[in-house]
Protein backbone atom coordinates (compact mmCIF):
# COMPACT_ATOMS: atom_id res chain seq x y z
CA MET A 1 154.65 45.42 82.26
CA LYS A 2 156.14 42.56 80.15
CA ILE A 3 154.28 43.97 77.00
CA ALA A 4 155.94 47.47 77.59
CA LEU A 5 159.26 46.00 77.72
CA LEU A 6 159.13 44.05 75.18
CA ALA A 7 157.62 46.96 72.92
CA LEU A 8 160.65 48.91 73.65
CA LEU A 9 163.29 46.32 72.95
CA GLY A 10 161.52 46.15 69.93
CA ALA A 11 162.06 50.06 69.09
CA ILE A 12 165.53 49.88 69.91
CA LEU A 13 166.03 46.82 67.67
CA GLY A 14 163.98 47.94 65.14
CA ALA A 15 165.82 51.91 65.17
CA LEU A 16 169.11 49.84 64.68
CA GLY A 17 167.99 47.65 61.82
CA GLY A 18 165.91 50.46 60.15
CA GLY A 19 168.80 52.79 60.15
CA ALA A 20 171.55 50.04 58.63
CA ILE A 21 168.38 49.72 55.93
CA GLY A 22 168.29 53.37 55.91
CA ILE A 23 172.02 53.27 55.26
CA VAL A 24 171.99 50.72 52.56
CA ALA A 25 169.07 52.36 50.86
CA GLY A 26 171.10 55.54 50.87
CA ILE A 27 174.24 53.94 49.57
CA GLY A 28 172.30 52.38 46.84
CA TRP A 29 170.57 55.69 45.91
CA ILE A 30 174.33 57.38 45.24
CA GLU A 31 175.45 54.49 43.18
CA VAL A 32 172.50 54.44 40.89
CA PHE A 33 171.93 58.30 40.60
CA LYS A 34 175.58 59.32 40.65
CA SER A 35 175.24 61.60 43.40
CA LYS A 36 177.63 64.40 44.12
CA ASN A 37 179.47 64.49 47.47
CA SER A 38 177.35 67.23 48.61
CA GLU A 39 174.10 65.31 47.62
CA ALA A 40 175.43 61.94 48.70
CA MET A 41 175.66 63.56 52.54
CA LEU A 42 172.28 65.00 52.09
CA VAL A 43 171.03 61.82 50.77
CA PHE A 44 172.36 59.69 53.93
CA PHE A 45 170.77 62.27 56.56
CA ILE A 46 167.79 61.82 54.70
CA PHE A 47 167.38 57.77 54.09
CA MET A 48 169.02 57.01 57.67
CA PRO A 49 166.58 59.12 60.08
CA ILE A 50 163.59 57.52 58.15
CA GLY A 51 164.58 53.74 58.22
CA ALA A 52 165.55 54.46 61.96
CA MET A 53 162.12 55.66 62.73
CA ALA A 54 159.94 53.33 60.44
CA GLY A 55 162.12 50.30 62.39
CA ALA A 56 161.46 51.74 65.37
CA VAL A 57 157.71 51.83 65.14
CA GLY A 58 157.47 48.56 62.71
CA GLY A 59 159.64 47.00 65.83
CA ALA A 60 157.76 47.97 68.83
CA ILE A 61 154.50 47.45 67.10
CA LEU A 62 155.61 43.79 66.03
CA PHE A 63 157.02 42.97 69.93
CA ALA A 64 154.15 44.30 71.59
CA VAL A 65 151.95 42.30 69.58
CA LEU A 66 154.07 39.13 69.77
CA ALA A 67 154.05 40.02 73.93
CA ALA A 68 149.96 40.31 73.93
CA ARG A 69 149.43 37.08 72.07
CA ASP A 70 151.82 35.23 74.29
CA GLY A 71 149.33 34.60 76.64
CA GLU A 72 147.06 32.68 73.92
CA ILE A 73 149.94 30.41 72.93
CA PRO A 74 149.95 27.07 74.89
CA ILE A 75 153.39 26.19 75.60
CA SER A 76 153.20 23.04 77.00
CA ARG A 77 150.45 20.26 76.10
CA GLU A 78 147.65 19.79 79.10
CA PRO A 79 148.13 15.89 80.52
CA ALA A 80 145.65 13.25 79.47
CA SER A 81 143.20 13.04 82.35
CA GLY A 82 142.66 9.41 82.27
CA ARG A 83 144.77 6.63 80.72
CA ASP A 84 143.81 3.77 78.59
CA SER A 85 145.33 0.62 79.32
């Protein structure tokens, strides 16, 4: 259950981050290639959803892998069995 919830959180955060990166990439494309207004809107509506989808998939995979590996990573050290005085 923890893996599924973290994967969902990763998908949501990845979609937000990917959408923002897609917007920045679209603005960069418009500035570099000097697109007209009608083309600019088309570029925005292409780059933003693609970035959001890629970010959602990447974020879900990343968070799921981190959650699955969480059980393998020791958080605290084992106490020593005997002490030498």
